[in-house]
Amino acid sequence: MRSATAPCSKLPDVGTTIFTVIGQIAAEHEALNLSQGTPNFAPDPALVESVALATRGGHNQYAPMAGVASLRNTLAEKMGHLYRTHKILGKGIAFDLRKGDDALKAKLNAAIGKLKTDGTVKSLGQKYFGNTDISAE
């Protein structure tokens, strides 16, 4: 049985999240919400065991930071056939920026340029990726 008082939020200043929005839309459409934390009933034990087994095997909703190597290689091969280029996907440094934020983009590019020039990027690449040159354009 749940307590009459709600627990204090660990993130009180976050505001409306995508999970709140999804929950509201599901309620408006009388739909079953299968996002994180819902539905609020016990799932079939076989499903729980299957999910646990898959998670222990390394399968989850998160791709590796640089993406799945076999997928990157397959896409690079496909691009080679379609566009006659063999550029390897996944090299370089990337940031998500707000569209049109040219000032921030310029600052990031300048900072990355300095790290390339002073050898920091090359040093980090050697330290964490061996012979892979991560300083390529």
N, C-alpha and C. Protein backbone atom coordinates (compact mmCIF):
# COMPACT_ATOMS: atom_id res chain seq x y z
N MET A 1 0.84 -1.19 0.00
CA MET A 1 0.00 0.00 0.00
C MET A 1 0.88 1.24 0.00
N ARG A 2 0.52 2.22 -0.80
CA ARG A 2 1.29 3.44 -0.92
C ARG A 2 1.03 4.38 0.24
N SER A 3 2.04 5.17 0.54
CA SER A 3 1.93 6.17 1.60
C SER A 3 1.00 7.29 1.14
N ALA A 4 0.33 7.93 2.10
CA ALA A 4 -0.59 9.02 1.78
C ALA A 4 0.18 10.26 1.31
N THR A 5 1.44 10.39 1.73
CA THR A 5 2.23 11.54 1.30
C THR A 5 3.21 11.09 0.23
N ALA A 6 3.30 11.88 -0.83
CA ALA A 6 4.21 11.56 -1.92
C ALA A 6 5.65 11.80 -1.49
N PRO A 7 6.59 10.98 -1.94
CA PRO A 7 8.00 11.20 -1.60
C PRO A 7 8.50 12.48 -2.25
N CYS A 8 9.52 13.07 -1.64
CA CYS A 8 10.12 14.28 -2.22
C CYS A 8 10.83 13.91 -3.51
N SER A 9 10.71 14.76 -4.50
CA SER A 9 11.36 14.53 -5.79
C SER A 9 12.86 14.72 -5.64
N LYS A 10 13.62 13.86 -6.31
CA LYS A 10 15.07 14.03 -6.35
C LYS A 10 15.46 15.09 -7.37
N LEU A 11 14.51 15.47 -8.23
CA LEU A 11 14.75 16.48 -9.26
C LEU A 11 13.62 17.52 -9.23
N PRO A 12 13.53 18.30 -8.15
CA PRO A 12 12.38 19.20 -8.00
C PRO A 12 12.31 20.32 -9.03
N ASP A 13 13.43 20.68 -9.65
CA ASP A 13 13.43 21.82 -10.57
C ASP A 13 13.42 21.42 -12.04
N VAL A 14 13.14 20.15 -12.32
CA VAL A 14 13.17 19.67 -13.70
C VAL A 14 11.98 20.18 -14.49
N GLY A 15 10.83 20.29 -13.88
CA GLY A 15 9.65 20.73 -14.60
C GLY A 15 9.00 19.58 -15.34
N THR A 16 8.25 19.89 -16.38
CA THR A 16 7.54 18.87 -17.15
C THR A 16 8.53 18.05 -17.96
N THR A 17 8.45 16.74 -17.85
CA THR A 17 9.33 15.85 -18.60
C THR A 17 8.55 15.17 -19.72
N ILE A 18 9.27 14.51 -20.60
CA ILE A 18 8.63 13.78 -21.69
C ILE A 18 7.74 12.68 -21.11
N PHE A 19 8.11 12.12 -19.96
CA PHE A 19 7.30 11.06 -19.36
C PHE A 19 5.96 11.60 -18.88
N THR A 20 5.96 12.84 -18.38
CA THR A 20 4.71 13.48 -17.98
C THR A 20 3.82 13.69 -19.20
N VAL A 21 4.42 14.19 -20.27
CA VAL A 21 3.67 14.45 -21.50
C VAL A 21 3.10 13.15 -22.07
N ILE A 22 3.92 12.10 -22.12
CA ILE A 22 3.45 10.81 -22.64
C ILE A 22 2.30 10.30 -21.79
N GLY A 23 2.42 10.42 -20.48
CA GLY A 23 1.36 9.98 -19.57
C GLY A 23 0.06 10.74 -19.81
N GLN A 24 0.18 12.05 -20.01
CA GLN A 24 -1.01 12.87 -20.26
C GLN A 24 -1.68 12.49 -21.58
N ILE A 25 -0.89 12.28 -22.61
CA ILE A 25 -1.44 11.91 -23.92
C ILE A 25 -2.11 10.54 -23.84
N ALA A 26 -1.46 9.59 -23.15
CA ALA A 26 -2.06 8.26 -23.00
C ALA A 26 -3.40 8.35 -22.27
N ALA A 27 -3.46 9.17 -21.22
CA ALA A 27 -4.71 9.32 -20.47
C ALA A 27 -5.80 9.96 -21.33
N GLU A 28 -5.44 10.98 -22.11
CA GLU A 28 -6.41 11.64 -22.98
C GLU A 28 -7.02 10.68 -23.99
N HIS A 29 -6.21 9.73 -24.47
CA HIS A 29 -6.66 8.80 -25.50
C HIS A 29 -7.06 7.44 -24.94
N GLU A 30 -7.12 7.37 -23.60
CA GLU A 30 -7.44 6.11 -22.92
C GLU A 30 -6.58 4.96 -23.45
N ALA A 31 -5.28 5.26 -23.61
CA ALA A 31 -4.34 4.28 -24.13
C ALA A 31 -3.51 3.68 -23.00
N LEU A 32 -3.01 2.48 -23.21
CA LEU A 32 -2.12 1.83 -22.25
C LEU A 32 -0.74 2.44 -22.41
N ASN A 33 -0.21 3.01 -21.36
CA ASN A 33 1.10 3.65 -21.38
C ASN A 33 2.15 2.62 -21.02
N LEU A 34 3.04 2.31 -21.97
CA LEU A 34 4.09 1.32 -21.73
C LEU A 34 5.46 1.97 -21.55
N SER A 35 5.48 3.27 -21.26
CA SER A 35 6.76 3.94 -21.05
C SER A 35 7.32 3.57 -19.68
N GLN A 36 8.48 4.13 -19.34
CA GLN A 36 9.14 3.78 -18.09
C GLN A 36 8.25 4.04 -16.89
N GLY A 37 8.18 3.05 -16.01
CA GLY A 37 7.43 3.20 -14.78
C GLY A 37 5.97 2.83 -14.88
N THR A 38 5.52 2.46 -16.05
CA THR A 38 4.13 2.08 -16.23
C THR A 38 4.08 0.84 -17.11
N PRO A 39 3.07 0.11 -17.22
CA PRO A 39 1.80 0.25 -16.51
C PRO A 39 1.98 -0.08 -15.03
N ASN A 40 1.01 0.27 -14.24
CA ASN A 40 1.12 0.08 -12.79
C ASN A 40 0.48 -1.23 -12.32
N PHE A 41 0.75 -2.30 -13.05
CA PHE A 41 0.34 -3.63 -12.61
C PHE A 41 1.49 -4.60 -12.86
N ALA A 42 1.47 -5.70 -12.13
CA ALA A 42 2.57 -6.66 -12.22
C ALA A 42 2.58 -7.35 -13.58
N PRO A 43 3.73 -7.38 -14.26
CA PRO A 43 3.81 -8.08 -15.53
C PRO A 43 3.92 -9.59 -15.32
N ASP A 44 3.75 -10.33 -16.38
CA ASP A 44 3.89 -11.78 -16.35
C ASP A 44 5.31 -12.14 -15.89
N PRO A 45 5.49 -13.04 -14.93
CA PRO A 45 6.82 -13.41 -14.45
C PRO A 45 7.75 -13.89 -15.58
N ALA A 46 7.21 -14.53 -16.60
CA ALA A 46 8.05 -14.97 -17.72
C ALA A 46 8.65 -13.78 -18.45
N LEU A 47 7.87 -12.69 -18.57
CA LEU A 47 8.37 -11.47 -19.21
C LEU A 47 9.50 -10.87 -18.37
N VAL A 48 9.31 -10.82 -17.06
CA VAL A 48 10.33 -10.27 -16.17
C VAL A 48 11.63 -11.07 -16.31
N GLU A 49 11.52 -12.38 -16.32
CA GLU A 49 12.70 -13.24 -16.44
C GLU A 49 13.37 -13.04 -17.80
N SER A 50 12.58 -12.93 -18.87
CA SER A 50 13.14 -12.71 -20.21
C SER A 50 13.88 -11.38 -20.29
N VAL A 51 13.30 -10.35 -19.70
CA VAL A 51 13.95 -9.03 -19.70
C VAL A 51 15.24 -9.09 -18.89
N ALA A 52 15.20 -9.74 -17.73
CA ALA A 52 16.41 -9.87 -16.90
C ALA A 52 17.50 -10.62 -17.64
N LEU A 53 17.14 -11.70 -18.32
CA LEU A 53 18.10 -12.50 -19.08
C LEU A 53 18.72 -11.66 -20.19
N ALA A 54 17.89 -10.93 -20.92
CA ALA A 54 18.39 -10.09 -22.01
C ALA A 54 19.29 -8.98 -21.47
N THR A 55 18.91 -8.36 -20.36
CA THR A 55 19.71 -7.29 -19.77
C THR A 55 21.06 -7.82 -19.30
N ARG A 56 21.06 -8.97 -18.66
CA ARG A 56 22.33 -9.58 -18.23
C ARG A 56 23.21 -9.89 -19.43
N GLY A 57 22.60 -10.14 -20.59
CA GLY A 57 23.36 -10.41 -21.82
C GLY A 57 23.83 -9.16 -22.53
N GLY A 58 23.60 -8.00 -21.92
CA GLY A 58 24.08 -6.75 -22.49
C GLY A 58 23.10 -6.06 -23.41
N HIS A 59 21.88 -6.57 -23.51
CA HIS A 59 20.87 -5.94 -24.37
C HIS A 59 20.04 -4.97 -23.55
N ASN A 60 19.97 -3.73 -24.00
CA ASN A 60 19.18 -2.71 -23.33
C ASN A 60 18.84 -1.62 -24.31
N GLN A 61 18.21 -0.56 -23.85
CA GLN A 61 17.76 0.49 -24.76
C GLN A 61 18.88 1.44 -25.16
N TYR A 62 20.06 1.28 -24.58
CA TYR A 62 21.14 2.23 -24.84
C TYR A 62 22.18 1.64 -25.79
N ALA A 63 22.41 2.32 -26.90
CA ALA A 63 23.49 1.91 -27.81
C ALA A 63 24.81 2.40 -27.22
N PRO A 64 25.91 1.75 -27.58
CA PRO A 64 27.21 2.26 -27.13
C PRO A 64 27.38 3.71 -27.60
N MET A 65 28.17 4.49 -26.87
CA MET A 65 28.34 5.91 -27.15
C MET A 65 28.67 6.17 -28.62
N ALA A 66 29.56 5.38 -29.19
CA ALA A 66 29.95 5.59 -30.59
C ALA A 66 29.05 4.82 -31.54
N GLY A 67 28.03 4.17 -31.04
CA GLY A 67 27.15 3.37 -31.89
C GLY A 67 27.62 1.93 -31.95
N VAL A 68 26.85 1.09 -32.57
CA VAL A 68 27.18 -0.32 -32.70
C VAL A 68 28.11 -0.47 -33.91
N ALA A 69 29.31 -1.00 -33.67
CA ALA A 69 30.34 -1.06 -34.72
C ALA A 69 29.84 -1.78 -35.97
N SER A 70 29.17 -2.92 -35.81
CA SER A 70 28.72 -3.67 -36.98
C SER A 70 27.71 -2.85 -37.80
N LEU A 71 26.87 -2.08 -37.13
CA LEU A 71 25.91 -1.23 -37.83
C LEU A 71 26.63 -0.09 -38.55
N ARG A 72 27.59 0.55 -37.88
CA ARG A 72 28.37 1.62 -38.52
C ARG A 72 29.08 1.10 -39.76
N ASN A 73 29.69 -0.08 -39.65
CA ASN A 73 30.42 -0.65 -40.78
C ASN A 73 29.48 -1.00 -41.93
N THR A 74 28.32 -1.54 -41.61
CA THR A 74 27.33 -1.87 -42.65
C THR A 74 26.85 -0.61 -43.35
N LEU A 75 26.59 0.45 -42.57
CA LEU A 75 26.17 1.72 -43.17
C LEU A 75 27.27 2.32 -44.04
N ALA A 76 28.52 2.23 -43.58
CA ALA A 76 29.64 2.75 -44.38
C ALA A 76 29.75 1.99 -45.69
N GLU A 77 29.56 0.67 -45.63
CA GLU A 77 29.61 -0.14 -46.85
C GLU A 77 28.47 0.25 -47.79
N LYS A 78 27.28 0.43 -47.24
CA LYS A 78 26.11 0.82 -48.04
C LYS A 78 26.36 2.19 -48.69
N MET A 79 26.91 3.13 -47.93
CA MET A 79 27.23 4.45 -48.48
C MET A 79 28.24 4.34 -49.60
N GLY A 80 29.20 3.43 -49.43
CA GLY A 80 30.20 3.21 -50.47
C GLY A 80 29.57 2.77 -51.77
N HIS A 81 28.59 1.86 -51.67
CA HIS A 81 27.90 1.38 -52.87
C HIS A 81 27.02 2.46 -53.48
N LEU A 82 26.31 3.20 -52.64
CA LEU A 82 25.37 4.20 -53.14
C LEU A 82 26.05 5.47 -53.64
N TYR A 83 27.07 5.93 -52.90
CA TYR A 83 27.63 7.24 -53.19
C TYR A 83 29.10 7.19 -53.62
N ARG A 84 29.61 5.99 -53.81
CA ARG A 84 31.00 5.78 -54.24
C ARG A 84 31.99 6.48 -53.31
N THR A 85 31.72 6.36 -52.03
CA THR A 85 32.62 6.89 -51.01
C THR A 85 32.80 5.82 -49.94
N HIS A 86 33.93 5.80 -49.33
CA HIS A 86 34.18 4.80 -48.29
C HIS A 86 34.56 5.48 -46.98
N LYS A 87 33.92 6.60 -46.71
CA LYS A 87 34.15 7.32 -45.46
C LYS A 87 33.65 6.46 -44.31
N ILE A 88 34.49 6.31 -43.30
CA ILE A 88 34.13 5.53 -42.12
C ILE A 88 33.26 6.40 -41.22
N LEU A 89 32.14 5.85 -40.80
CA LEU A 89 31.25 6.58 -39.90
C LEU A 89 31.75 6.45 -38.47
N GLY A 90 31.53 7.45 -37.67
CA GLY A 90 31.83 7.35 -36.26
C GLY A 90 33.11 8.02 -35.83
N LYS A 91 33.83 8.66 -36.73
CA LYS A 91 35.04 9.36 -36.33
C LYS A 91 34.70 10.82 -36.09
N GLY A 92 35.50 11.46 -35.29
CA GLY A 92 35.30 12.88 -35.06
C GLY A 92 34.61 13.15 -33.73
N ILE A 93 34.27 14.40 -33.54
CA ILE A 93 33.65 14.86 -32.31
C ILE A 93 32.32 15.49 -32.69
N ALA A 94 31.26 15.16 -31.97
CA ALA A 94 29.94 15.69 -32.31
C ALA A 94 29.22 16.22 -31.07
N PHE A 95 28.49 17.29 -31.26
CA PHE A 95 27.66 17.87 -30.21
C PHE A 95 26.30 18.18 -30.80
N ASP A 96 25.26 18.01 -30.01
CA ASP A 96 23.92 18.45 -30.42
C ASP A 96 23.79 19.91 -30.03
N LEU A 97 23.43 20.73 -31.01
CA LEU A 97 23.26 22.15 -30.76
C LEU A 97 21.86 22.59 -31.18
N ARG A 98 21.39 23.63 -30.55
CA ARG A 98 20.12 24.21 -30.95
C ARG A 98 20.28 24.79 -32.36
N LYS A 99 19.34 24.50 -33.24
CA LYS A 99 19.40 24.97 -34.62
C LYS A 99 19.57 26.49 -34.65
N GLY A 100 20.54 26.94 -35.42
CA GLY A 100 20.77 28.37 -35.57
C GLY A 100 21.67 28.99 -34.52
N ASP A 101 22.19 28.18 -33.58
CA ASP A 101 23.07 28.73 -32.54
C ASP A 101 24.50 28.78 -33.08
N ASP A 102 24.71 29.68 -34.04
CA ASP A 102 26.01 29.78 -34.72
C ASP A 102 27.13 30.24 -33.79
N ALA A 103 26.80 31.06 -32.80
CA ALA A 103 27.82 31.54 -31.86
C ALA A 103 28.39 30.38 -31.05
N LEU A 104 27.52 29.53 -30.53
CA LEU A 104 27.99 28.38 -29.75
C LEU A 104 28.75 27.41 -30.65
N LYS A 105 28.25 27.19 -31.86
CA LYS A 105 28.93 26.30 -32.81
C LYS A 105 30.36 26.81 -33.08
N ALA A 106 30.51 28.11 -33.29
CA ALA A 106 31.83 28.69 -33.55
C ALA A 106 32.76 28.50 -32.35
N LYS A 107 32.23 28.70 -31.13
CA LYS A 107 33.04 28.53 -29.93
C LYS A 107 33.49 27.07 -29.77
N LEU A 108 32.57 26.13 -29.99
CA LEU A 108 32.92 24.71 -29.89
C LEU A 108 33.96 24.32 -30.94
N ASN A 109 33.76 24.77 -32.17
CA ASN A 109 34.72 24.46 -33.23
C ASN A 109 36.09 25.04 -32.92
N ALA A 110 36.13 26.25 -32.35
CA ALA A 110 37.41 26.86 -31.98
C ALA A 110 38.09 26.07 -30.87
N ALA A 111 37.32 25.66 -29.88
CA ALA A 111 37.88 24.89 -28.77
C ALA A 111 38.41 23.53 -29.25
N ILE A 112 37.64 22.87 -30.11
CA ILE A 112 38.07 21.57 -30.65
C ILE A 112 39.32 21.77 -31.51
N GLY A 113 39.35 22.85 -32.29
CA GLY A 113 40.53 23.15 -33.11
C GLY A 113 41.78 23.31 -32.26
N LYS A 114 41.65 23.99 -31.13
CA LYS A 114 42.80 24.17 -30.22
C LYS A 114 43.26 22.81 -29.67
N LEU A 115 42.30 21.96 -29.30
CA LEU A 115 42.65 20.64 -28.77
C LEU A 115 43.33 19.78 -29.82
N LYS A 116 42.94 19.94 -31.08
CA LYS A 116 43.61 19.21 -32.16
C LYS A 116 45.02 19.76 -32.37
N THR A 117 45.14 21.10 -32.39
CA THR A 117 46.43 21.75 -32.64
C THR A 117 47.45 21.44 -31.56
N ASP A 118 47.01 21.46 -30.30
CA ASP A 118 47.98 21.24 -29.22
C ASP A 118 48.25 19.75 -28.95
N GLY A 119 47.60 18.86 -29.70
CA GLY A 119 47.88 17.43 -29.58
C GLY A 119 47.03 16.69 -28.56
N THR A 120 46.14 17.40 -27.87
CA THR A 120 45.30 16.77 -26.85
C THR A 120 44.42 15.68 -27.45
N VAL A 121 43.78 15.96 -28.58
CA VAL A 121 42.89 14.98 -29.21
C VAL A 121 43.67 13.73 -29.60
N LYS A 122 44.84 13.93 -30.20
CA LYS A 122 45.67 12.79 -30.61
C LYS A 122 46.10 11.96 -29.40
N SER A 123 46.49 12.64 -28.33
CA SER A 123 46.90 11.97 -27.11
C SER A 123 45.77 11.14 -26.50
N LEU A 124 44.57 11.72 -26.45
CA LEU A 124 43.41 11.00 -25.92
C LEU A 124 43.07 9.80 -26.81
N GLY A 125 43.16 9.99 -28.11
CA GLY A 125 42.90 8.89 -29.04
C GLY A 125 43.85 7.73 -28.82
N GLN A 126 45.12 8.04 -28.66
CA GLN A 126 46.12 6.98 -28.42
C GLN A 126 45.88 6.30 -27.08
N LYS A 127 45.53 7.08 -26.08
CA LYS A 127 45.32 6.53 -24.75
C LYS A 127 44.12 5.58 -24.71
N TYR A 128 43.01 5.98 -25.35
CA TYR A 128 41.78 5.20 -25.23
C TYR A 128 41.45 4.33 -26.43
N PHE A 129 42.05 4.61 -27.59
CA PHE A 129 41.69 3.86 -28.79
C PHE A 129 42.88 3.27 -29.52
N GLY A 130 44.05 3.26 -28.91
CA GLY A 130 45.22 2.66 -29.53
C GLY A 130 45.66 3.42 -30.76
N ASN A 131 45.73 2.74 -31.88
CA ASN A 131 46.23 3.35 -33.12
C ASN A 131 45.17 4.09 -33.93
N THR A 132 43.95 4.19 -33.41
CA THR A 132 42.89 4.85 -34.15
C THR A 132 43.07 6.36 -34.07
N ASP A 133 43.13 7.01 -35.24
CA ASP A 133 43.29 8.45 -35.29
C ASP A 133 41.92 9.10 -35.18
N ILE A 134 41.64 9.70 -34.03
CA ILE A 134 40.33 10.34 -33.84
C ILE A 134 40.41 11.83 -34.17
N SER A 135 41.55 12.31 -34.63
CA SER A 135 41.67 13.73 -34.95
C SER A 135 41.35 14.03 -36.40
N ALA A 136 40.92 13.02 -37.16
CA ALA A 136 40.59 13.22 -38.57
C ALA A 136 39.41 14.15 -38.73
N GLU A 137 39.35 14.80 -39.88
CA GLU A 137 38.24 15.72 -40.17
C GLU A 137 36.94 14.96 -40.22
